Amino acid sequence: MTTPHALTTLAELEAHYAEAGEASLAKEVDYLHPHYRAFVEAAPLCLLSTVRAEYAEVSPRGDAPGFVQVLDERTLLLPDRRGNNRLDSLRNIIADPRVGLLFLIPGVNETIRVAGTAHVSVDPALIARCIVDGKAPATVLVISIQSVFFQCARALVRSSLWAPESQVARSSLPSNGTILAAVSRDPFDGVAYDESQPARMKQTLY
């Protein structure tokens, strides 16, 4: 099936845009320069992109700044904290090691993009490095860096992401329990789920 107005070749795509500026190309390196390392170590949140057979996925990963550890200029360590045990990202990495990471720092409009490959490790020495409050992650991702560069501030400036007036009240959107009750195939007690969520979050954070 043909999709009208779709650009389907590199030639068509490149003809539709101006050439990348000199700085846009010069900022990319294949290792973690000390200046880029400063951003990674200041970030309490990164988005992890992985690839599966049908499509790509992205998942948030967050903790205190420095939770993504720098082993050396070409290797990062990302602990897998407690979650929902769907293991989507980890399953994807087992099948296809390609990953991308986007590091965000509150109040900073530039982000850092890292691309490379990863493997899932249960190395006791690596896991021990990531213990928080006496709790160890089940596994760690060992990420081999292939590309690093900073993303300019336009997207976050346009979105006003960090502006206090941009904050959205959680109560203005459907609750997790409401969503589960609506989309689950079996009847789901959404009200009970919402009521138990604060305690569940506290008990399973690490």
N, C-alpha and C. Protein backbone atom coordinates (compact mmCIF):
# COMPACT_ATOMS: atom_id res chain seq x y z
N MET A 1 0.84 -1.19 0.00
CA MET A 1 0.00 0.00 0.00
C MET A 1 0.88 1.25 0.00
N THR A 2 0.57 2.18 -0.86
CA THR A 2 1.33 3.42 -0.96
C THR A 2 0.75 4.48 -0.01
N THR A 3 1.61 5.13 0.74
CA THR A 3 1.17 6.19 1.64
C THR A 3 1.41 7.54 0.96
N PRO A 4 0.35 8.29 0.69
CA PRO A 4 0.52 9.57 0.00
C PRO A 4 1.44 10.51 0.78
N HIS A 5 2.29 11.20 0.06
CA HIS A 5 3.17 12.23 0.61
C HIS A 5 4.29 11.68 1.49
N ALA A 6 4.47 10.37 1.54
CA ALA A 6 5.55 9.82 2.34
C ALA A 6 6.88 9.96 1.60
N LEU A 7 7.92 10.34 2.35
CA LEU A 7 9.27 10.35 1.82
C LEU A 7 9.87 8.98 2.08
N THR A 8 10.24 8.26 1.02
CA THR A 8 10.63 6.86 1.18
C THR A 8 12.07 6.57 0.81
N THR A 9 12.80 7.57 0.33
CA THR A 9 14.21 7.36 0.00
C THR A 9 15.06 8.43 0.67
N LEU A 10 16.33 8.13 0.87
CA LEU A 10 17.23 9.12 1.46
C LEU A 10 17.34 10.36 0.58
N ALA A 11 17.33 10.16 -0.73
CA ALA A 11 17.43 11.30 -1.64
C ALA A 11 16.24 12.24 -1.46
N GLU A 12 15.05 11.69 -1.34
CA GLU A 12 13.86 12.52 -1.13
C GLU A 12 13.94 13.26 0.20
N LEU A 13 14.38 12.54 1.22
CA LEU A 13 14.47 13.14 2.56
C LEU A 13 15.47 14.29 2.57
N GLU A 14 16.67 14.03 2.05
CA GLU A 14 17.72 15.05 2.09
C GLU A 14 17.38 16.26 1.23
N ALA A 15 16.62 16.04 0.17
CA ALA A 15 16.21 17.17 -0.68
C ALA A 15 15.20 18.07 0.03
N HIS A 16 14.53 17.54 1.04
CA HIS A 16 13.48 18.27 1.74
C HIS A 16 14.05 19.16 2.85
N TYR A 17 15.32 18.94 3.23
CA TYR A 17 15.93 19.68 4.33
C TYR A 17 17.23 20.34 3.88
N ALA A 18 17.63 21.39 4.61
CA ALA A 18 18.93 22.00 4.39
C ALA A 18 20.01 21.08 4.96
N GLU A 19 21.23 21.29 4.57
CA GLU A 19 22.33 20.49 5.09
C GLU A 19 22.57 20.82 6.56
N ALA A 20 23.03 19.82 7.31
CA ALA A 20 23.34 20.03 8.72
C ALA A 20 24.48 21.03 8.86
N GLY A 21 24.40 21.88 9.88
CA GLY A 21 25.44 22.87 10.11
C GLY A 21 26.73 22.23 10.60
N GLU A 22 27.81 22.97 10.51
CA GLU A 22 29.12 22.46 10.90
C GLU A 22 29.14 22.01 12.36
N ALA A 23 28.53 22.80 13.24
CA ALA A 23 28.52 22.45 14.67
C ALA A 23 27.71 21.20 14.94
N SER A 24 26.65 21.00 14.16
CA SER A 24 25.80 19.82 14.34
C SER A 24 26.56 18.53 14.10
N LEU A 25 27.56 18.60 13.22
CA LEU A 25 28.36 17.42 12.92
C LEU A 25 29.58 17.32 13.83
N ALA A 26 30.15 18.47 14.17
CA ALA A 26 31.39 18.47 14.96
C ALA A 26 31.19 18.01 16.39
N LYS A 27 29.97 18.10 16.90
CA LYS A 27 29.73 17.79 18.32
C LYS A 27 29.70 16.29 18.61
N GLU A 28 29.63 15.46 17.58
CA GLU A 28 29.50 14.01 17.78
C GLU A 28 30.86 13.34 17.90
N VAL A 29 31.03 12.53 18.95
CA VAL A 29 32.26 11.77 19.14
C VAL A 29 31.89 10.32 19.47
N ASP A 30 32.88 9.44 19.43
CA ASP A 30 32.60 8.03 19.69
C ASP A 30 33.07 7.58 21.07
N TYR A 31 33.18 8.54 22.00
CA TYR A 31 33.58 8.23 23.36
C TYR A 31 32.96 9.27 24.28
N LEU A 32 33.05 9.04 25.59
CA LEU A 32 32.46 9.98 26.54
C LEU A 32 33.51 11.02 26.94
N HIS A 33 33.52 12.13 26.21
CA HIS A 33 34.42 13.24 26.53
C HIS A 33 34.12 13.72 27.96
N PRO A 34 35.10 14.23 28.68
CA PRO A 34 34.85 14.71 30.06
C PRO A 34 33.70 15.70 30.17
N HIS A 35 33.52 16.56 29.16
CA HIS A 35 32.40 17.50 29.22
C HIS A 35 31.06 16.77 29.12
N TYR A 36 30.99 15.76 28.28
CA TYR A 36 29.76 14.96 28.19
C TYR A 36 29.57 14.13 29.46
N ARG A 37 30.65 13.66 30.02
CA ARG A 37 30.56 12.90 31.27
C ARG A 37 29.91 13.74 32.37
N ALA A 38 30.22 15.02 32.41
CA ALA A 38 29.64 15.89 33.44
C ALA A 38 28.11 15.90 33.36
N PHE A 39 27.59 15.89 32.14
CA PHE A 39 26.13 15.87 31.96
C PHE A 39 25.55 14.52 32.40
N VAL A 40 26.18 13.44 31.98
CA VAL A 40 25.69 12.10 32.33
C VAL A 40 25.64 11.94 33.85
N GLU A 41 26.68 12.40 34.54
CA GLU A 41 26.74 12.22 35.99
C GLU A 41 25.81 13.18 36.74
N ALA A 42 25.32 14.21 36.07
CA ALA A 42 24.38 15.14 36.70
C ALA A 42 22.92 14.78 36.44
N ALA A 43 22.69 13.79 35.59
CA ALA A 43 21.33 13.47 35.16
C ALA A 43 20.65 12.48 36.10
N PRO A 44 19.45 12.82 36.62
CA PRO A 44 18.70 11.87 37.43
C PRO A 44 17.73 11.02 36.60
N LEU A 45 17.71 11.28 35.29
CA LEU A 45 16.76 10.57 34.42
C LEU A 45 17.36 10.36 33.05
N CYS A 46 17.17 9.16 32.52
CA CYS A 46 17.50 8.93 31.12
C CYS A 46 16.41 8.08 30.50
N LEU A 47 16.23 8.23 29.21
CA LEU A 47 15.29 7.42 28.45
C LEU A 47 16.09 6.38 27.69
N LEU A 48 15.70 5.13 27.83
CA LEU A 48 16.40 4.01 27.20
C LEU A 48 15.59 3.50 26.03
N SER A 49 16.18 3.56 24.84
CA SER A 49 15.52 3.07 23.63
C SER A 49 16.10 1.72 23.24
N THR A 50 15.22 0.77 22.93
CA THR A 50 15.63 -0.55 22.49
C THR A 50 14.83 -0.94 21.25
N VAL A 51 15.25 -2.02 20.61
CA VAL A 51 14.63 -2.44 19.35
C VAL A 51 14.10 -3.86 19.48
N ARG A 52 12.88 -4.07 19.04
CA ARG A 52 12.34 -5.41 18.94
C ARG A 52 11.97 -5.69 17.49
N ALA A 53 11.54 -6.89 17.21
CA ALA A 53 11.32 -7.27 15.81
C ALA A 53 10.30 -6.37 15.13
N GLU A 54 9.23 -6.02 15.86
CA GLU A 54 8.13 -5.30 15.23
C GLU A 54 8.31 -3.78 15.25
N TYR A 55 8.98 -3.26 16.27
CA TYR A 55 9.07 -1.82 16.44
C TYR A 55 10.13 -1.48 17.48
N ALA A 56 10.36 -0.20 17.67
CA ALA A 56 11.28 0.27 18.71
C ALA A 56 10.48 0.67 19.94
N GLU A 57 11.13 0.65 21.11
CA GLU A 57 10.48 1.03 22.36
C GLU A 57 11.38 1.98 23.13
N VAL A 58 10.77 2.70 24.07
CA VAL A 58 11.55 3.59 24.93
C VAL A 58 11.01 3.46 26.35
N SER A 59 11.92 3.49 27.33
CA SER A 59 11.54 3.30 28.73
C SER A 59 12.33 4.26 29.60
N PRO A 60 11.69 4.87 30.61
CA PRO A 60 12.43 5.78 31.51
C PRO A 60 13.24 5.01 32.53
N ARG A 61 14.41 5.56 32.87
CA ARG A 61 15.26 5.02 33.92
C ARG A 61 15.69 6.20 34.79
N GLY A 62 15.49 6.11 36.09
CA GLY A 62 15.81 7.25 36.92
C GLY A 62 16.25 6.88 38.32
N ASP A 63 17.04 7.74 38.92
CA ASP A 63 17.51 7.60 40.30
C ASP A 63 18.28 8.88 40.63
N ALA A 64 18.99 8.88 41.74
CA ALA A 64 19.80 10.04 42.10
C ALA A 64 20.85 10.29 41.03
N PRO A 65 21.23 11.56 40.79
CA PRO A 65 22.28 11.85 39.80
C PRO A 65 23.50 10.96 40.00
N GLY A 66 24.02 10.45 38.90
CA GLY A 66 25.15 9.54 38.97
C GLY A 66 24.74 8.08 38.97
N PHE A 67 23.42 7.81 38.89
CA PHE A 67 22.98 6.41 38.91
C PHE A 67 23.45 5.65 37.68
N VAL A 68 23.63 6.36 36.56
CA VAL A 68 24.31 5.76 35.41
C VAL A 68 25.81 5.99 35.62
N GLN A 69 26.53 4.93 35.86
CA GLN A 69 27.93 5.05 36.23
C GLN A 69 28.83 4.96 35.00
N VAL A 70 29.90 5.73 35.04
CA VAL A 70 30.89 5.72 33.97
C VAL A 70 32.01 4.76 34.36
N LEU A 71 32.10 3.65 33.63
CA LEU A 71 33.19 2.71 33.89
C LEU A 71 34.48 3.18 33.23
N ASP A 72 34.37 3.70 32.04
CA ASP A 72 35.49 4.32 31.33
C ASP A 72 34.89 5.15 30.21
N GLU A 73 35.72 5.75 29.37
CA GLU A 73 35.21 6.68 28.37
C GLU A 73 34.39 6.01 27.27
N ARG A 74 34.33 4.70 27.27
CA ARG A 74 33.55 3.99 26.26
C ARG A 74 32.53 3.03 26.85
N THR A 75 32.34 3.09 28.18
CA THR A 75 31.45 2.12 28.82
C THR A 75 30.63 2.78 29.93
N LEU A 76 29.33 2.54 29.90
CA LEU A 76 28.42 2.99 30.95
C LEU A 76 27.79 1.79 31.63
N LEU A 77 27.38 2.00 32.88
CA LEU A 77 26.72 0.96 33.66
C LEU A 77 25.36 1.49 34.11
N LEU A 78 24.28 0.80 33.71
CA LEU A 78 22.92 1.22 34.05
C LEU A 78 22.23 0.12 34.85
N PRO A 79 21.99 0.35 36.15
CA PRO A 79 21.32 -0.68 36.96
C PRO A 79 19.85 -0.82 36.59
N ASP A 80 19.35 -2.04 36.66
CA ASP A 80 17.93 -2.28 36.41
C ASP A 80 17.22 -2.39 37.76
N ARG A 81 16.63 -1.27 38.19
CA ARG A 81 15.92 -1.23 39.47
C ARG A 81 14.59 -1.99 39.36
N ARG A 82 13.94 -2.12 40.51
CA ARG A 82 12.66 -2.84 40.54
C ARG A 82 11.65 -2.16 39.64
N GLY A 83 10.86 -2.98 38.95
CA GLY A 83 9.83 -2.46 38.06
C GLY A 83 8.66 -3.42 38.00
N ASN A 84 8.04 -3.50 36.82
CA ASN A 84 6.85 -4.32 36.69
C ASN A 84 7.14 -5.75 36.22
N ASN A 85 8.42 -6.05 36.00
CA ASN A 85 8.85 -7.38 35.56
C ASN A 85 8.33 -7.78 34.18
N ARG A 86 7.89 -6.81 33.39
CA ARG A 86 7.61 -7.12 31.99
C ARG A 86 8.90 -7.42 31.23
N LEU A 87 9.99 -6.75 31.65
CA LEU A 87 11.32 -6.97 31.07
C LEU A 87 11.39 -6.64 29.59
N ASP A 88 10.56 -5.70 29.14
CA ASP A 88 10.52 -5.36 27.72
C ASP A 88 11.90 -4.97 27.19
N SER A 89 12.54 -4.02 27.85
CA SER A 89 13.84 -3.54 27.36
C SER A 89 14.89 -4.64 27.41
N LEU A 90 14.91 -5.41 28.48
CA LEU A 90 15.92 -6.46 28.63
C LEU A 90 15.70 -7.57 27.60
N ARG A 91 14.46 -7.94 27.37
CA ARG A 91 14.17 -8.94 26.34
C ARG A 91 14.67 -8.45 24.97
N ASN A 92 14.41 -7.17 24.72
CA ASN A 92 14.84 -6.61 23.43
C ASN A 92 16.35 -6.66 23.29
N ILE A 93 17.07 -6.32 24.35
CA ILE A 93 18.53 -6.29 24.28
C ILE A 93 19.11 -7.70 24.09
N ILE A 94 18.48 -8.70 24.70
CA ILE A 94 18.93 -10.07 24.48
C ILE A 94 18.84 -10.41 22.99
N ALA A 95 17.78 -9.94 22.34
CA ALA A 95 17.58 -10.26 20.92
C ALA A 95 18.35 -9.33 19.99
N ASP A 96 18.50 -8.06 20.39
CA ASP A 96 19.15 -7.05 19.55
C ASP A 96 19.84 -6.06 20.49
N PRO A 97 21.17 -6.03 20.53
CA PRO A 97 21.88 -5.25 21.54
C PRO A 97 21.90 -3.74 21.31
N ARG A 98 21.35 -3.26 20.22
CA ARG A 98 21.42 -1.83 19.94
C ARG A 98 20.56 -1.03 20.92
N VAL A 99 21.13 0.05 21.48
CA VAL A 99 20.41 0.89 22.43
C VAL A 99 20.70 2.37 22.15
N GLY A 100 19.81 3.21 22.62
CA GLY A 100 20.02 4.65 22.63
C GLY A 100 19.60 5.19 23.99
N LEU A 101 20.28 6.20 24.47
CA LEU A 101 19.94 6.83 25.74
C LEU A 101 19.88 8.34 25.56
N LEU A 102 18.89 8.94 26.22
CA LEU A 102 18.74 10.39 26.23
C LEU A 102 18.75 10.84 27.69
N PHE A 103 19.76 11.64 28.06
CA PHE A 103 19.92 12.07 29.45
C PHE A 103 19.30 13.45 29.65
N LEU A 104 18.47 13.59 30.69
CA LEU A 104 17.81 14.85 31.01
C LEU A 104 18.20 15.31 32.40
N ILE A 105 18.41 16.62 32.53
CA ILE A 105 18.77 17.25 33.80
C ILE A 105 17.76 18.36 34.09
N PRO A 106 17.06 18.32 35.21
CA PRO A 106 16.08 19.36 35.51
C PRO A 106 16.68 20.76 35.41
N GLY A 107 16.00 21.63 34.69
CA GLY A 107 16.45 23.01 34.55
C GLY A 107 17.42 23.24 33.41
N VAL A 108 17.93 22.16 32.81
CA VAL A 108 18.88 22.27 31.70
C VAL A 108 18.16 21.87 30.41
N ASN A 109 18.20 22.72 29.42
CA ASN A 109 17.45 22.46 28.19
C ASN A 109 18.19 21.60 27.18
N GLU A 110 19.52 21.52 27.30
CA GLU A 110 20.24 20.60 26.43
C GLU A 110 20.15 19.19 27.00
N THR A 111 20.13 18.20 26.12
CA THR A 111 20.15 16.80 26.53
C THR A 111 21.37 16.14 25.89
N ILE A 112 21.74 14.98 26.43
CA ILE A 112 22.87 14.24 25.90
C ILE A 112 22.36 12.94 25.30
N ARG A 113 22.75 12.68 24.05
CA ARG A 113 22.37 11.45 23.36
C ARG A 113 23.55 10.49 23.30
N VAL A 114 23.30 9.26 23.70
CA VAL A 114 24.32 8.21 23.65
C VAL A 114 23.73 7.05 22.86
N ALA A 115 24.51 6.50 21.93
CA ALA A 115 24.08 5.33 21.17
C ALA A 115 25.18 4.28 21.23
N GLY A 116 24.78 3.02 21.21
CA GLY A 116 25.76 1.95 21.24
C GLY A 116 25.09 0.61 21.35
N THR A 117 25.73 -0.31 22.02
CA THR A 117 25.19 -1.65 22.24
C THR A 117 25.26 -1.96 23.73
N ALA A 118 24.47 -2.93 24.15
CA ALA A 118 24.42 -3.27 25.57
C ALA A 118 24.29 -4.77 25.75
N HIS A 119 24.72 -5.23 26.92
CA HIS A 119 24.41 -6.60 27.32
C HIS A 119 23.97 -6.60 28.77
N VAL A 120 23.17 -7.61 29.12
CA VAL A 120 22.64 -7.74 30.47
C VAL A 120 23.62 -8.55 31.30
N SER A 121 24.02 -7.99 32.44
CA SER A 121 25.06 -8.63 33.26
C SER A 121 24.56 -8.91 34.68
N VAL A 122 25.04 -10.03 35.23
CA VAL A 122 24.81 -10.34 36.64
C VAL A 122 26.15 -10.43 37.37
N ASP A 123 27.16 -9.74 36.84
CA ASP A 123 28.48 -9.71 37.46
C ASP A 123 28.36 -9.17 38.88
N PRO A 124 28.73 -9.96 39.91
CA PRO A 124 28.57 -9.51 41.30
C PRO A 124 29.28 -8.19 41.59
N ALA A 125 30.44 -7.98 40.97
CA ALA A 125 31.19 -6.75 41.23
C ALA A 125 30.45 -5.53 40.68
N LEU A 126 29.84 -5.68 39.52
CA LEU A 126 29.09 -4.57 38.94
C LEU A 126 27.80 -4.31 39.71
N ILE A 127 27.12 -5.37 40.09
CA ILE A 127 25.89 -5.21 40.86
C ILE A 127 26.19 -4.55 42.20
N ALA A 128 27.31 -4.90 42.82
CA ALA A 128 27.67 -4.32 44.12
C ALA A 128 27.88 -2.82 44.02
N ARG A 129 28.33 -2.35 42.86
CA ARG A 129 28.53 -0.91 42.68
C ARG A 129 27.22 -0.14 42.70
N CYS A 130 26.11 -0.84 42.47
CA CYS A 130 24.82 -0.17 42.27
C CYS A 130 23.85 -0.37 43.42
N ILE A 131 24.34 -0.84 44.55
CA ILE A 131 23.47 -1.04 45.71
C ILE A 131 23.03 0.32 46.28
N VAL A 132 21.73 0.44 46.53
CA VAL A 132 21.17 1.65 47.13
C VAL A 132 20.29 1.23 48.30
N ASP A 133 20.50 1.85 49.45
CA ASP A 133 19.73 1.50 50.65
C ASP A 133 19.76 0.00 50.93
N GLY A 134 20.91 -0.61 50.66
CA GLY A 134 21.05 -2.04 50.91
C GLY A 134 20.38 -2.93 49.88
N LYS A 135 19.79 -2.34 48.84
CA LYS A 135 19.08 -3.11 47.82
C LYS A 135 19.90 -3.12 46.52
N ALA A 136 20.14 -4.32 46.02
CA ALA A 136 20.90 -4.47 44.78
C ALA A 136 19.94 -4.63 43.60
N PRO A 137 20.32 -4.11 42.43
CA PRO A 137 19.50 -4.35 41.24
C PRO A 137 19.61 -5.81 40.83
N ALA A 138 18.59 -6.32 40.15
CA ALA A 138 18.63 -7.72 39.70
C ALA A 138 19.72 -7.92 38.66
N THR A 139 19.88 -6.93 37.79
CA THR A 139 20.88 -6.99 36.73
C THR A 139 21.39 -5.58 36.46
N VAL A 140 22.43 -5.49 35.67
CA VAL A 140 22.91 -4.19 35.19
C VAL A 140 23.10 -4.29 33.68
N LEU A 141 22.91 -3.17 33.01
CA LEU A 141 23.22 -3.09 31.59
C LEU A 141 24.62 -2.51 31.44
N VAL A 142 25.46 -3.20 30.72
CA VAL A 142 26.79 -2.71 30.38
C VAL A 142 26.70 -2.18 28.95
N ILE A 143 26.87 -0.87 28.83
CA ILE A 143 26.63 -0.19 27.56
C ILE A 143 27.95 0.22 26.92
N SER A 144 28.19 -0.27 25.73
CA SER A 144 29.38 0.10 24.97
C SER A 144 29.04 1.27 24.06
N ILE A 145 29.73 2.38 24.26
CA ILE A 145 29.42 3.63 23.56
C ILE A 145 29.96 3.62 22.13
N GLN A 146 29.12 4.06 21.20
CA GLN A 146 29.54 4.23 19.81
C GLN A 146 29.38 5.67 19.34
N SER A 147 28.46 6.41 19.98
CA SER A 147 28.21 7.79 19.57
C SER A 147 27.70 8.60 20.76
N VAL A 148 28.20 9.83 20.90
CA VAL A 148 27.75 10.75 21.95
C VAL A 148 27.70 12.16 21.37
N PHE A 149 26.61 12.87 21.63
CA PHE A 149 26.57 14.30 21.31
C PHE A 149 25.45 14.98 22.07
N PHE A 150 25.53 16.30 22.15
CA PHE A 150 24.48 17.04 22.84
C PHE A 150 23.39 17.43 21.85
N GLN A 151 22.14 17.34 22.32
CA GLN A 151 20.98 17.76 21.54
C GLN A 151 20.70 19.21 21.92
N CYS A 152 20.54 20.07 20.94
CA CYS A 152 20.33 21.48 21.24
C CYS A 152 19.03 21.70 22.01
N ALA A 153 18.85 22.89 22.53
CA ALA A 153 17.79 23.17 23.51
C ALA A 153 16.42 23.44 22.90
N ARG A 154 16.30 23.46 21.58
CA ARG A 154 15.04 23.93 20.98
C ARG A 154 13.81 23.16 21.47
N ALA A 155 13.89 21.84 21.52
CA ALA A 155 12.70 21.05 21.88
C ALA A 155 12.23 21.38 23.30
N LEU A 156 13.16 21.47 24.24
CA LEU A 156 12.76 21.74 25.62
C LEU A 156 12.35 23.19 25.81
N VAL A 157 12.95 24.10 25.04
CA VAL A 157 12.52 25.50 25.10
C VAL A 157 11.10 25.63 24.55
N ARG A 158 10.84 24.99 23.42
CA ARG A 158 9.48 25.06 22.84
C ARG A 158 8.45 24.45 23.79
N SER A 159 8.82 23.36 24.46
CA SER A 159 7.87 22.67 25.33
C SER A 159 7.72 23.33 26.69
N SER A 160 8.67 24.21 27.06
CA SER A 160 8.69 24.81 28.41
C SER A 160 8.63 23.74 29.49
N LEU A 161 9.33 22.64 29.27
CA LEU A 161 9.22 21.48 30.14
C LEU A 161 9.51 21.80 31.59
N TRP A 162 10.53 22.61 31.85
CA TRP A 162 10.94 22.86 33.23
C TRP A 162 10.23 24.06 33.87
N ALA A 163 9.42 24.78 33.12
CA ALA A 163 8.76 25.97 33.67
C ALA A 163 7.67 25.56 34.67
N PRO A 164 7.65 26.17 35.84
CA PRO A 164 6.64 25.82 36.85
C PRO A 164 5.21 25.93 36.31
N GLU A 165 4.97 26.93 35.46
CA GLU A 165 3.61 27.11 34.94
C GLU A 165 3.21 26.02 33.95
N SER A 166 4.17 25.21 33.51
CA SER A 166 3.86 24.12 32.59
C SER A 166 3.47 22.83 33.30
N GLN A 167 3.65 22.80 34.62
CA GLN A 167 3.36 21.56 35.35
C GLN A 167 1.87 21.24 35.29
N VAL A 168 1.57 19.96 35.07
CA VAL A 168 0.20 19.49 34.93
C VAL A 168 -0.22 18.75 36.19
N ALA A 169 -1.38 19.05 36.71
CA ALA A 169 -1.90 18.35 37.89
C ALA A 169 -2.20 16.90 37.50
N ARG A 170 -1.65 15.95 38.26
CA ARG A 170 -1.90 14.52 37.95
C ARG A 170 -3.38 14.22 37.96
N SER A 171 -4.14 14.90 38.81
CA SER A 171 -5.59 14.64 38.93
C SER A 171 -6.36 15.04 37.68
N SER A 172 -5.72 15.80 36.78
CA SER A 172 -6.41 16.21 35.56
C SER A 172 -6.42 15.12 34.49
N LEU A 173 -5.71 14.03 34.74
CA LEU A 173 -5.61 12.93 33.78
C LEU A 173 -6.14 11.65 34.41
N PRO A 174 -6.53 10.67 33.58
CA PRO A 174 -7.03 9.41 34.15
C PRO A 174 -6.00 8.75 35.05
N SER A 175 -6.44 8.19 36.16
CA SER A 175 -5.54 7.51 37.07
C SER A 175 -5.12 6.16 36.48
N ASN A 176 -4.05 5.58 37.06
CA ASN A 176 -3.61 4.26 36.58
C ASN A 176 -4.71 3.21 36.75
N GLY A 177 -5.39 3.27 37.88
CA GLY A 177 -6.48 2.32 38.11
C GLY A 177 -7.61 2.49 37.11
N THR A 178 -7.94 3.73 36.79
CA THR A 178 -8.99 3.99 35.80
C THR A 178 -8.61 3.41 34.44
N ILE A 179 -7.35 3.57 34.06
CA ILE A 179 -6.89 3.03 32.78
C ILE A 179 -6.95 1.51 32.79
N LEU A 180 -6.46 0.89 33.88
CA LEU A 180 -6.47 -0.57 33.97
C LEU A 180 -7.89 -1.13 33.90
N ALA A 181 -8.80 -0.49 34.59
CA ALA A 181 -10.19 -0.96 34.59
C ALA A 181 -10.81 -0.86 33.20
N ALA A 182 -10.38 0.15 32.44
CA ALA A 182 -10.96 0.38 31.11
C ALA A 182 -10.38 -0.53 30.04
N VAL A 183 -9.09 -0.83 30.13
CA VAL A 183 -8.45 -1.55 29.02
C VAL A 183 -8.20 -3.03 29.29
N SER A 184 -8.30 -3.48 30.55
CA SER A 184 -8.02 -4.88 30.86
C SER A 184 -9.13 -5.78 30.32
N ARG A 185 -8.73 -6.98 29.88
CA ARG A 185 -9.71 -7.93 29.35
C ARG A 185 -10.58 -8.51 30.46
N ASP A 186 -9.98 -8.70 31.63
CA ASP A 186 -10.73 -9.20 32.79
C ASP A 186 -11.09 -8.02 33.68
N PRO A 187 -12.18 -8.11 34.41
CA PRO A 187 -12.54 -7.02 35.31
C PRO A 187 -11.39 -6.69 36.26
N PHE A 188 -11.08 -5.43 36.39
CA PHE A 188 -9.96 -4.99 37.22
C PHE A 188 -10.47 -3.93 38.18
N ASP A 189 -10.17 -4.09 39.47
CA ASP A 189 -10.62 -3.14 40.49
C ASP A 189 -9.69 -1.94 40.47
N GLY A 190 -10.01 -0.95 39.64
CA GLY A 190 -9.18 0.22 39.48
C GLY A 190 -9.10 1.07 40.74
N VAL A 191 -10.20 1.15 41.47
CA VAL A 191 -10.22 1.96 42.68
C VAL A 191 -9.27 1.38 43.72
N ALA A 192 -9.31 0.06 43.90
CA ALA A 192 -8.42 -0.59 44.86
C ALA A 192 -6.96 -0.44 44.43
N TYR A 193 -6.73 -0.51 43.13
CA TYR A 193 -5.36 -0.34 42.63
C TYR A 193 -4.83 1.05 42.96
N ASP A 194 -5.63 2.06 42.71
CA ASP A 194 -5.21 3.44 43.01
C ASP A 194 -4.97 3.64 44.50
N GLU A 195 -5.84 3.06 45.33
CA GLU A 195 -5.72 3.25 46.77
C GLU A 195 -4.45 2.59 47.32
N SER A 196 -4.04 1.48 46.73
CA SER A 196 -2.86 0.76 47.22
C SER A 196 -1.55 1.24 46.60
N GLN A 197 -1.65 2.10 45.59
CA GLN A 197 -0.45 2.49 44.86
C GLN A 197 0.60 3.22 45.71
N PRO A 198 0.24 4.19 46.55
CA PRO A 198 1.29 4.88 47.33
C PRO A 198 2.10 3.92 48.20
N ALA A 199 1.45 3.00 48.88
CA ALA A 199 2.17 2.05 49.73
C ALA A 199 2.99 1.09 48.88
N ARG A 200 2.41 0.66 47.76
CA ARG A 200 3.13 -0.26 46.87
C ARG A 200 4.38 0.40 46.30
N MET A 201 4.30 1.64 45.93
CA MET A 201 5.44 2.38 45.41
C MET A 201 6.53 2.49 46.46
N LYS A 202 6.14 2.81 47.68
CA LYS A 202 7.12 2.96 48.76
C LYS A 202 7.85 1.64 49.05
N GLN A 203 7.11 0.54 49.02
CA GLN A 203 7.69 -0.76 49.36
C GLN A 203 8.55 -1.34 48.25
N THR A 204 8.32 -0.92 47.03
CA THR A 204 9.01 -1.57 45.89
C THR A 204 9.90 -0.61 45.11
N LEU A 205 10.28 0.53 45.72
CA LEU A 205 11.07 1.51 44.99
C LEU A 205 12.45 0.96 44.65
N TYR A 206 13.04 0.16 45.53
CA TYR A 206 14.34 -0.44 45.29
C TYR A 206 14.27 -1.95 45.53
